[in-house]
């Protein structure tokens, strides 16, 4: 008994590849952005706690505009990192 795979038209296959490439680009952009935000927060000697909190909030808004409906993923991945960084940087808690 032979199982036949579902054939896909080339257009659908190319569209899926383009979608995957675009998502990979957005993900890389998010990673670079978050790396830069964390670097600035940790290294700028003149940055206040309020400025760091505003920068973190802006980064969150930007991330969620790139990946709508991924708030839980952001809160699990980046929020703890930013919170830990700010706790260390500003000696909170």
PDB file of N, CA and C in Angstrom:
ATOM      1  N   UNK A   1       0.857  -1.175   0.000  1.00  0.00           N
ATOM      2  CA  UNK A   1       0.000   0.000   0.000  1.00  0.00           C
ATOM      3  C   UNK A   1       0.896   1.228   0.000  1.00  0.00           C
ATOM      4  N   UNK A   2       0.697   2.104  -0.921  1.00  0.00           N
ATOM      5  CA  UNK A   2       1.537   3.288  -1.084  1.00  0.00           C
ATOM      6  C   UNK A   2       0.796   4.518  -0.586  1.00  0.00           C
ATOM      7  N   UNK A   3       1.468   5.291   0.256  1.00  0.00           N
ATOM      8  CA  UNK A   3       0.886   6.526   0.766  1.00  0.00           C
ATOM      9  C   UNK A   3       1.404   7.668  -0.086  1.00  0.00           C
ATOM     10  N   UNK A   4       0.499   8.427  -0.627  1.00  0.00           N
ATOM     11  CA  UNK A   4       0.901   9.542  -1.466  1.00  0.00           C
ATOM     12  C   UNK A   4       0.891  10.826  -0.654  1.00  0.00           C
ATOM     13  N   UNK A   5       1.978  11.610  -0.772  1.00  0.00           N
ATOM     14  CA  UNK A   5       2.058  12.900  -0.096  1.00  0.00           C
ATOM     15  C   UNK A   5       1.216  13.924  -0.820  1.00  0.00           C
ATOM     16  N   UNK A   6       0.787  14.877  -0.106  1.00  0.00           N
ATOM     17  CA  UNK A   6      -0.022  15.947  -0.701  1.00  0.00           C
ATOM     18  C   UNK A   6       0.889  16.828  -1.549  1.00  0.00           C
ATOM     19  N   UNK A   7       0.543  16.993  -2.763  1.00  0.00           N
ATOM     20  CA  UNK A   7       1.313  17.860  -3.662  1.00  0.00           C
ATOM     21  C   UNK A   7       0.900  19.311  -3.423  1.00  0.00           C
ATOM     22  N   UNK A   8       1.894  20.185  -3.399  1.00  0.00           N
ATOM     23  CA  UNK A   8       1.612  21.603  -3.207  1.00  0.00           C
ATOM     24  C   UNK A   8       1.988  22.354  -4.472  1.00  0.00           C
ATOM     25  N   UNK A   9       1.157  23.269  -4.855  1.00  0.00           N
ATOM     26  CA  UNK A   9       1.543  24.117  -5.983  1.00  0.00           C
ATOM     27  C   UNK A   9       2.789  24.925  -5.620  1.00  0.00           C
ATOM     28  N   UNK A  10       3.624  25.210  -6.611  1.00  0.00           N
ATOM     29  CA  UNK A  10       4.859  25.959  -6.358  1.00  0.00           C
ATOM     30  C   UNK A  10       4.594  27.309  -5.704  1.00  0.00           C
ATOM     31  N   UNK A  11       3.522  27.974  -6.057  1.00  0.00           N
ATOM     32  CA  UNK A  11       3.212  29.279  -5.480  1.00  0.00           C
ATOM     33  C   UNK A  11       3.011  29.210  -3.982  1.00  0.00           C
ATOM     34  N   UNK A  12       2.331  28.178  -3.537  1.00  0.00           N
ATOM     35  CA  UNK A  12       2.090  28.029  -2.098  1.00  0.00           C
ATOM     36  C   UNK A  12       3.393  27.731  -1.366  1.00  0.00           C
ATOM     37  N   UNK A  13       4.237  26.902  -1.958  1.00  0.00           N
ATOM     38  CA  UNK A  13       5.529  26.573  -1.350  1.00  0.00           C
ATOM     39  C   UNK A  13       6.405  27.819  -1.243  1.00  0.00           C
ATOM     40  N   UNK A  14       6.469  28.611  -2.308  1.00  0.00           N
ATOM     41  CA  UNK A  14       7.266  29.846  -2.297  1.00  0.00           C
ATOM     42  C   UNK A  14       6.726  30.857  -1.303  1.00  0.00           C
ATOM     43  N   UNK A  15       5.407  30.926  -1.204  1.00  0.00           N
ATOM     44  CA  UNK A  15       4.791  31.855  -0.255  1.00  0.00           C
ATOM     45  C   UNK A  15       5.158  31.481   1.178  1.00  0.00           C
ATOM     46  N   UNK A  16       5.162  30.190   1.482  1.00  0.00           N
ATOM     47  CA  UNK A  16       5.534  29.735   2.821  1.00  0.00           C
ATOM     48  C   UNK A  16       7.010  30.024   3.098  1.00  0.00           C
ATOM     49  N   UNK A  17       7.865  29.828   2.104  1.00  0.00           N
ATOM     50  CA  UNK A  17       9.289  30.142   2.269  1.00  0.00           C
ATOM     51  C   UNK A  17       9.485  31.628   2.535  1.00  0.00           C
ATOM     52  N   UNK A  18       8.758  32.468   1.805  1.00  0.00           N
ATOM     53  CA  UNK A  18       8.858  33.915   2.010  1.00  0.00           C
ATOM     54  C   UNK A  18       8.382  34.301   3.403  1.00  0.00           C
ATOM     55  N   UNK A  19       7.311  33.679   3.862  1.00  0.00           N
ATOM     56  CA  UNK A  19       6.792  33.953   5.195  1.00  0.00           C
ATOM     57  C   UNK A  19       7.810  33.552   6.255  1.00  0.00           C
ATOM     58  N   UNK A  20       8.437  32.395   6.081  1.00  0.00           N
ATOM     59  CA  UNK A  20       9.452  31.941   7.028  1.00  0.00           C
ATOM     60  C   UNK A  20      10.661  32.868   7.031  1.00  0.00           C
ATOM     61  N   UNK A  21      11.074  33.333   5.856  1.00  0.00           N
ATOM     62  CA  UNK A  21      12.206  34.259   5.771  1.00  0.00           C
ATOM     63  C   UNK A  21      11.877  35.573   6.469  1.00  0.00           C
ATOM     64  N   UNK A  22      10.672  36.064   6.264  1.00  0.00           N
ATOM     65  CA  UNK A  22      10.258  37.323   6.887  1.00  0.00           C
ATOM     66  C   UNK A  22      10.209  37.176   8.406  1.00  0.00           C
ATOM     67  N   UNK A  23       9.691  36.064   8.884  1.00  0.00           N
ATOM     68  CA  UNK A  23       9.647  35.851  10.325  1.00  0.00           C
ATOM     69  C   UNK A  23      11.061  35.737  10.899  1.00  0.00           C
ATOM     70  N   UNK A  24      11.957  35.082  10.186  1.00  0.00           N
ATOM     71  CA  UNK A  24      13.346  34.969  10.640  1.00  0.00           C
ATOM     72  C   UNK A  24      14.007  36.344  10.692  1.00  0.00           C
ATOM     73  N   UNK A  25      13.705  37.193   9.715  1.00  0.00           N
ATOM     74  CA  UNK A  25      14.241  38.568   9.720  1.00  0.00           C
ATOM     75  C   UNK A  25      13.721  39.357  10.919  1.00  0.00           C
ATOM     76  N   UNK A  26      12.427  39.253  11.169  1.00  0.00           N
ATOM     77  CA  UNK A  26      11.849  39.969  12.309  1.00  0.00           C
ATOM     78  C   UNK A  26      12.421  39.457  13.621  1.00  0.00           C
ATOM     79  N   UNK A  27      12.605  38.157  13.721  1.00  0.00           N
ATOM     80  CA  UNK A  27      13.167  37.587  14.939  1.00  0.00           C
ATOM     81  C   UNK A  27      14.596  38.071  15.153  1.00  0.00           C
ATOM     82  N   UNK A  28      15.383  38.097  14.103  1.00  0.00           N
ATOM     83  CA  UNK A  28      16.763  38.586  14.218  1.00  0.00           C
ATOM     84  C   UNK A  28      16.773  40.065  14.603  1.00  0.00           C
ATOM     85  N   UNK A  29      15.868  40.831  14.008  1.00  0.00           N
ATOM     86  CA  UNK A  29      15.760  42.253  14.341  1.00  0.00           C
ATOM     87  C   UNK A  29      15.403  42.444  15.817  1.00  0.00           C
ATOM     88  N   UNK A  30      14.479  41.616  16.319  1.00  0.00           N
ATOM     89  CA  UNK A  30      14.100  41.666  17.730  1.00  0.00           C
ATOM     90  C   UNK A  30      15.297  41.337  18.616  1.00  0.00           C
ATOM     91  N   UNK A  31      16.038  40.301  18.264  1.00  0.00           N
ATOM     92  CA  UNK A  31      17.201  39.915  19.065  1.00  0.00           C
ATOM     93  C   UNK A  31      18.243  41.022  19.117  1.00  0.00           C
ATOM     94  N   UNK A  32      18.521  41.645  17.984  1.00  0.00           N
ATOM     95  CA  UNK A  32      19.493  42.738  17.944  1.00  0.00           C
ATOM     96  C   UNK A  32      18.994  43.921  18.764  1.00  0.00           C
ATOM     97  N   UNK A  33      17.708  44.254  18.617  1.00  0.00           N
ATOM     98  CA  UNK A  33      17.134  45.368  19.362  1.00  0.00           C
ATOM     99  C   UNK A  33      17.236  45.125  20.865  1.00  0.00           C
ATOM    100  N   UNK A  34      16.873  43.936  21.307  1.00  0.00           N
ATOM    101  CA  UNK A  34      16.905  43.641  22.740  1.00  0.00           C
ATOM    102  C   UNK A  34      18.342  43.626  23.256  1.00  0.00           C
ATOM    103  N   UNK A  35      19.255  43.155  22.464  1.00  0.00           N
ATOM    104  CA  UNK A  35      20.669  43.176  22.852  1.00  0.00           C
ATOM    105  C   UNK A  35      21.158  44.608  23.027  1.00  0.00           C
ATOM    106  N   UNK A  36      20.770  45.477  22.114  1.00  0.00           N
ATOM    107  CA  UNK A  36      21.168  46.881  22.198  1.00  0.00           C
ATOM    108  C   UNK A  36      20.547  47.556  23.418  1.00  0.00           C
ATOM    109  N   UNK A  37      19.277  47.300  23.665  1.00  0.00           N
ATOM    110  CA  UNK A  37      18.595  47.886  24.820  1.00  0.00           C
ATOM    111  C   UNK A  37      19.291  47.450  26.107  1.00  0.00           C
ATOM    112  N   UNK A  38      19.593  46.180  26.211  1.00  0.00           N
ATOM    113  CA  UNK A  38      20.240  45.672  27.419  1.00  0.00           C
ATOM    114  C   UNK A  38      21.655  46.230  27.570  1.00  0.00           C
ATOM    115  N   UNK A  39      22.351  46.403  26.466  1.00  0.00           N
ATOM    116  CA  UNK A  39      23.692  46.995  26.527  1.00  0.00           C
ATOM    117  C   UNK A  39      23.642  48.436  27.014  1.00  0.00           C
ATOM    118  N   UNK A  40      22.708  49.200  26.474  1.00  0.00           N
ATOM    119  CA  UNK A  40      22.591  50.604  26.881  1.00  0.00           C
ATOM    120  C   UNK A  40      22.232  50.700  28.359  1.00  0.00           C
ATOM    121  N   UNK A  41      21.261  49.904  28.787  1.00  0.00           N
ATOM    122  CA  UNK A  41      20.856  49.956  30.193  1.00  0.00           C
ATOM    123  C   UNK A  41      22.027  49.586  31.104  1.00  0.00           C
ATOM    124  N   UNK A  42      22.798  48.604  30.728  1.00  0.00           N
ATOM    125  CA  UNK A  42      23.880  48.155  31.607  1.00  0.00           C
ATOM    126  C   UNK A  42      25.113  49.051  31.547  1.00  0.00           C
ATOM    127  N   UNK A  43      25.319  49.790  30.446  1.00  0.00           N
ATOM    128  CA  UNK A  43      26.577  50.499  30.270  1.00  0.00           C
ATOM    129  C   UNK A  43      26.499  52.013  30.353  1.00  0.00           C
ATOM    130  N   UNK A  44      25.323  52.596  30.224  1.00  0.00           N
ATOM    131  CA  UNK A  44      25.224  54.058  30.261  1.00  0.00           C
ATOM    132  C   UNK A  44      25.274  54.530  31.713  1.00  0.00           C
ATOM    133  N   UNK A  45      26.370  55.184  32.112  1.00  0.00           N
ATOM    134  CA  UNK A  45      26.508  55.570  33.525  1.00  0.00           C
ATOM    135  C   UNK A  45      25.540  56.682  33.946  1.00  0.00           C
ATOM    136  N   UNK A  46      25.015  57.415  32.984  1.00  0.00           N
ATOM    137  CA  UNK A  46      24.126  58.535  33.308  1.00  0.00           C
ATOM    138  C   UNK A  46      22.645  58.161  33.265  1.00  0.00           C
ATOM    139  N   UNK A  47      22.338  56.931  32.881  1.00  0.00           N
ATOM    140  CA  UNK A  47      20.938  56.531  32.747  1.00  0.00           C
ATOM    141  C   UNK A  47      20.292  56.379  34.123  1.00  0.00           C
ATOM    142  N   UNK A  48      19.102  56.956  34.238  1.00  0.00           N
ATOM    143  CA  UNK A  48      18.341  56.841  35.483  1.00  0.00           C
ATOM    144  C   UNK A  48      17.443  55.604  35.417  1.00  0.00           C
ATOM    145  N   UNK A  49      16.923  55.228  36.565  1.00  0.00           N
ATOM    146  CA  UNK A  49      15.994  54.103  36.624  1.00  0.00           C
ATOM    147  C   UNK A  49      14.766  54.383  35.762  1.00  0.00           C
ATOM    148  N   UNK A  50      14.265  55.606  35.803  1.00  0.00           N
ATOM    149  CA  UNK A  50      13.085  55.972  35.015  1.00  0.00           C
ATOM    150  C   UNK A  50      13.359  55.854  33.523  1.00  0.00           C
ATOM    151  N   UNK A  51      14.533  56.306  33.083  1.00  0.00           N
ATOM    152  CA  UNK A  51      14.887  56.205  31.670  1.00  0.00           C
ATOM    153  C   UNK A  51      15.027  54.742  31.244  1.00  0.00           C
ATOM    154  N   UNK A  52      15.613  53.926  32.108  1.00  0.00           N
ATOM    155  CA  UNK A  52      15.760  52.504  31.798  1.00  0.00           C
ATOM    156  C   UNK A  52      14.392  51.831  31.708  1.00  0.00           C
ATOM    157  N   UNK A  53      13.499  52.160  32.613  1.00  0.00           N
ATOM    158  CA  UNK A  53      12.152  51.588  32.592  1.00  0.00           C
ATOM    159  C   UNK A  53      11.408  52.019  31.328  1.00  0.00           C
ATOM    160  N   UNK A  54      11.585  53.273  30.933  1.00  0.00           N
ATOM    161  CA  UNK A  54      10.941  53.757  29.710  1.00  0.00           C
ATOM    162  C   UNK A  54      11.513  53.043  28.483  1.00  0.00           C
ATOM    163  N   UNK A  55      12.822  52.841  28.472  1.00  0.00           N
ATOM    164  CA  UNK A  55      13.453  52.142  27.357  1.00  0.00           C
ATOM    165  C   UNK A  55      12.948  50.700  27.283  1.00  0.00           C
ATOM    166  N   UNK A  56      12.822  50.037  28.416  1.00  0.00           N
ATOM    167  CA  UNK A  56      12.303  48.664  28.451  1.00  0.00           C
ATOM    168  C   UNK A  56      10.856  48.622  27.958  1.00  0.00           C
ATOM    169  N   UNK A  57      10.053  49.586  28.368  1.00  0.00           N
ATOM    170  CA  UNK A  57       8.654  49.640  27.930  1.00  0.00           C
ATOM    171  C   UNK A  57       8.559  49.879  26.423  1.00  0.00           C
ATOM    172  N   UNK A  58       9.409  50.760  25.909  1.00  0.00           N
ATOM    173  CA  UNK A  58       9.424  51.014  24.462  1.00  0.00           C
ATOM    174  C   UNK A  58       9.868  49.775  23.686  1.00  0.00           C
ATOM    175  N   UNK A  59      10.840  49.049  24.230  1.00  0.00           N
ATOM    176  CA  UNK A  59      11.297  47.821  23.579  1.00  0.00           C
ATOM    177  C   UNK A  59      10.182  46.788  23.549  1.00  0.00           C
ATOM    178  N   UNK A  60       9.427  46.712  24.625  1.00  0.00           N
ATOM    179  CA  UNK A  60       8.292  45.776  24.677  1.00  0.00           C
ATOM    180  C   UNK A  60       7.242  46.131  23.628  1.00  0.00           C
ATOM    181  N   UNK A  61       6.923  47.414  23.531  1.00  0.00           N
ATOM    182  CA  UNK A  61       5.951  47.851  22.523  1.00  0.00           C
ATOM    183  C   UNK A  61       6.437  47.522  21.117  1.00  0.00           C
ATOM    184  N   UNK A  62       7.720  47.764  20.850  1.00  0.00           N
ATOM    185  CA  UNK A  62       8.278  47.471  19.528  1.00  0.00           C
ATOM    186  C   UNK A  62       8.232  45.967  19.251  1.00  0.00           C
ATOM    187  N   UNK A  63       8.575  45.169  20.253  1.00  0.00           N
ATOM    188  CA  UNK A  63       8.563  43.719  20.074  1.00  0.00           C
ATOM    189  C   UNK A  63       7.154  43.217  19.771  1.00  0.00           C
ATOM    190  N   UNK A  64       6.180  43.737  20.488  1.00  0.00           N
ATOM    191  CA  UNK A  64       4.807  43.286  20.282  1.00  0.00           C
ATOM    192  C   UNK A  64       4.217  43.810  18.974  1.00  0.00           C
ATOM    193  N   UNK A  65       4.765  44.911  18.456  1.00  0.00           N
ATOM    194  CA  UNK A  65       4.304  45.355  17.144  1.00  0.00           C
ATOM    195  C   UNK A  65       4.896  44.466  16.046  1.00  0.00           C
ATOM    196  N   UNK A  66       6.082  43.931  16.283  1.00  0.00           N
ATOM    197  CA  UNK A  66       6.682  42.997  15.319  1.00  0.00           C
ATOM    198  C   UNK A  66       6.024  41.622  15.402  1.00  0.00           C
ATOM    199  N   UNK A  67       5.647  41.216  16.626  1.00  0.00           N
ATOM    200  CA  UNK A  67       5.056  39.904  16.870  1.00  0.00           C
ATOM    201  C   UNK A  67       3.780  40.060  17.689  1.00  0.00           C
ATOM    202  N   UNK A  68       2.693  40.486  17.043  1.00  0.00           N
ATOM    203  CA  UNK A  68       1.427  40.621  17.768  1.00  0.00           C
ATOM    204  C   UNK A  68       0.999  39.266  18.343  1.00  0.00           C
ATOM    205  N   UNK A  69       0.311  39.299  19.439  1.00  0.00           N
ATOM    206  CA  UNK A  69      -0.205  38.094  20.106  1.00  0.00           C
ATOM    207  C   UNK A  69       0.899  37.210  20.679  1.00  0.00           C
ATOM    208  N   UNK A  70       2.104  37.743  20.857  1.00  0.00           N
ATOM    209  CA  UNK A  70       3.198  36.968  21.452  1.00  0.00           C
ATOM    210  C   UNK A  70       3.621  37.574  22.785  1.00  0.00           C
ATOM    211  N   UNK A  71       2.666  38.181  23.463  1.00  0.00           N
ATOM    212  CA  UNK A  71       2.949  38.833  24.736  1.00  0.00           C
ATOM    213  C   UNK A  71       3.466  37.840  25.775  1.00  0.00           C
ATOM    214  N   UNK A  72       2.886  36.660  25.820  1.00  0.00           N
ATOM    215  CA  UNK A  72       3.332  35.652  26.780  1.00  0.00           C
ATOM    216  C   UNK A  72       4.785  35.254  26.514  1.00  0.00           C
ATOM    217  N   UNK A  73       5.123  35.046  25.261  1.00  0.00           N
ATOM    218  CA  UNK A  73       6.505  34.682  24.916  1.00  0.00           C
ATOM    219  C   UNK A  73       7.463  35.789  25.339  1.00  0.00           C
ATOM    220  N   UNK A  74       7.097  37.043  25.078  1.00  0.00           N
ATOM    221  CA  UNK A  74       7.947  38.166  25.490  1.00  0.00           C
ATOM    222  C   UNK A  74       8.109  38.169  27.007  1.00  0.00           C
ATOM    223  N   UNK A  75       6.999  37.997  27.714  1.00  0.00           N
ATOM    224  CA  UNK A  75       7.040  38.030  29.179  1.00  0.00           C
ATOM    225  C   UNK A  75       7.852  36.879  29.765  1.00  0.00           C
ATOM    226  N   UNK A  76       7.913  35.767  29.064  1.00  0.00           N
ATOM    227  CA  UNK A  76       8.698  34.630  29.544  1.00  0.00           C
ATOM    228  C   UNK A  76      10.183  34.741  29.196  1.00  0.00           C
ATOM    229  N   UNK A  77      10.481  35.372  28.067  1.00  0.00           N
ATOM    230  CA  UNK A  77      11.869  35.409  27.590  1.00  0.00           C
ATOM    231  C   UNK A  77      12.585  36.692  27.988  1.00  0.00           C
ATOM    232  N   UNK A  78      12.022  37.832  27.620  1.00  0.00           N
ATOM    233  CA  UNK A  78      12.755  39.092  27.772  1.00  0.00           C
ATOM    234  C   UNK A  78      12.470  39.841  29.069  1.00  0.00           C
ATOM    235  N   UNK A  79      11.247  39.775  29.563  1.00  0.00           N
ATOM    236  CA  UNK A  79      10.929  40.517  30.789  1.00  0.00           C
ATOM    237  C   UNK A  79      11.817  40.120  31.966  1.00  0.00           C
ATOM    238  N   UNK A  80      12.030  38.821  32.213  1.00  0.00           N
ATOM    239  CA  UNK A  80      12.918  38.463  33.339  1.00  0.00           C
ATOM    240  C   UNK A  80      14.359  38.939  33.139  1.00  0.00           C
ATOM    241  N   UNK A  81      14.836  38.904  31.910  1.00  0.00           N
ATOM    242  CA  UNK A  81      16.200  39.372  31.637  1.00  0.00           C
ATOM    243  C   UNK A  81      16.335  40.861  31.923  1.00  0.00           C
ATOM    244  N   UNK A  82      15.365  41.634  31.458  1.00  0.00           N
ATOM    245  CA  UNK A  82      15.401  43.075  31.700  1.00  0.00           C
ATOM    246  C   UNK A  82      15.248  43.384  33.190  1.00  0.00           C
ATOM    247  N   UNK A  83      14.368  42.657  33.858  1.00  0.00           N
ATOM    248  CA  UNK A  83      14.168  42.887  35.285  1.00  0.00           C
ATOM    249  C   UNK A  83      15.439  42.569  36.070  1.00  0.00           C
ATOM    250  N   UNK A  84      16.073  41.459  35.751  1.00  0.00           N
ATOM    251  CA  UNK A  84      17.319  41.076  36.428  1.00  0.00           C
ATOM    252  C   UNK A  84      18.408  42.115  36.175  1.00  0.00           C
ATOM    253  N   UNK A  85      18.509  42.576  34.931  1.00  0.00           N
ATOM    254  CA  UNK A  85      19.503  43.587  34.577  1.00  0.00           C
ATOM    255  C   UNK A  85      19.255  44.881  35.352  1.00  0.00           C
ATOM    256  N   UNK A  86      18.011  45.312  35.409  1.00  0.00           N
ATOM    257  CA  UNK A  86      17.700  46.547  36.121  1.00  0.00           C
ATOM    258  C   UNK A  86      17.912  46.390  37.627  1.00  0.00           C
ATOM    259  N   UNK A  87      17.605  45.214  38.167  1.00  0.00           N
ATOM    260  CA  UNK A  87      17.866  44.965  39.591  1.00  0.00           C
ATOM    261  C   UNK A  87      19.358  45.073  39.893  1.00  0.00           C
ATOM    262  N   UNK A  88      20.181  44.499  39.030  1.00  0.00           N
ATOM    263  CA  UNK A  88      21.629  44.555  39.239  1.00  0.00           C
ATOM    264  C   UNK A  88      22.165  45.971  39.016  1.00  0.00           C
ATOM    265  N   UNK A  89      21.713  46.599  37.961  1.00  0.00           N
ATOM    266  CA  UNK A  89      22.242  47.913  37.567  1.00  0.00           C
ATOM    267  C   UNK A  89      21.888  48.980  38.589  1.00  0.00           C
ATOM    268  N   UNK A  90      20.655  48.963  39.093  1.00  0.00           N
ATOM    269  CA  UNK A  90      20.192  50.005  39.994  1.00  0.00           C
ATOM    270  C   UNK A  90      20.094  49.523  41.436  1.00  0.00           C
ATOM    271  N   UNK A  91      20.608  48.344  41.703  1.00  0.00           N
ATOM    272  CA  UNK A  91      20.644  47.777  43.062  1.00  0.00           C
ATOM    273  C   UNK A  91      19.254  47.803  43.709  1.00  0.00           C
ATOM    274  N   UNK A  92      18.288  47.256  42.992  1.00  0.00           N
ATOM    275  CA  UNK A  92      16.914  47.193  43.501  1.00  0.00           C
ATOM    276  C   UNK A  92      16.748  45.955  44.369  1.00  0.00           C
ATOM    277  N   UNK A  93      15.725  45.968  45.169  1.00  0.00           N
ATOM    278  CA  UNK A  93      15.326  44.864  46.069  1.00  0.00           C
ATOM    279  C   UNK A  93      16.151  44.809  47.271  1.00  0.00           C
TER     280      UNK A  93
END
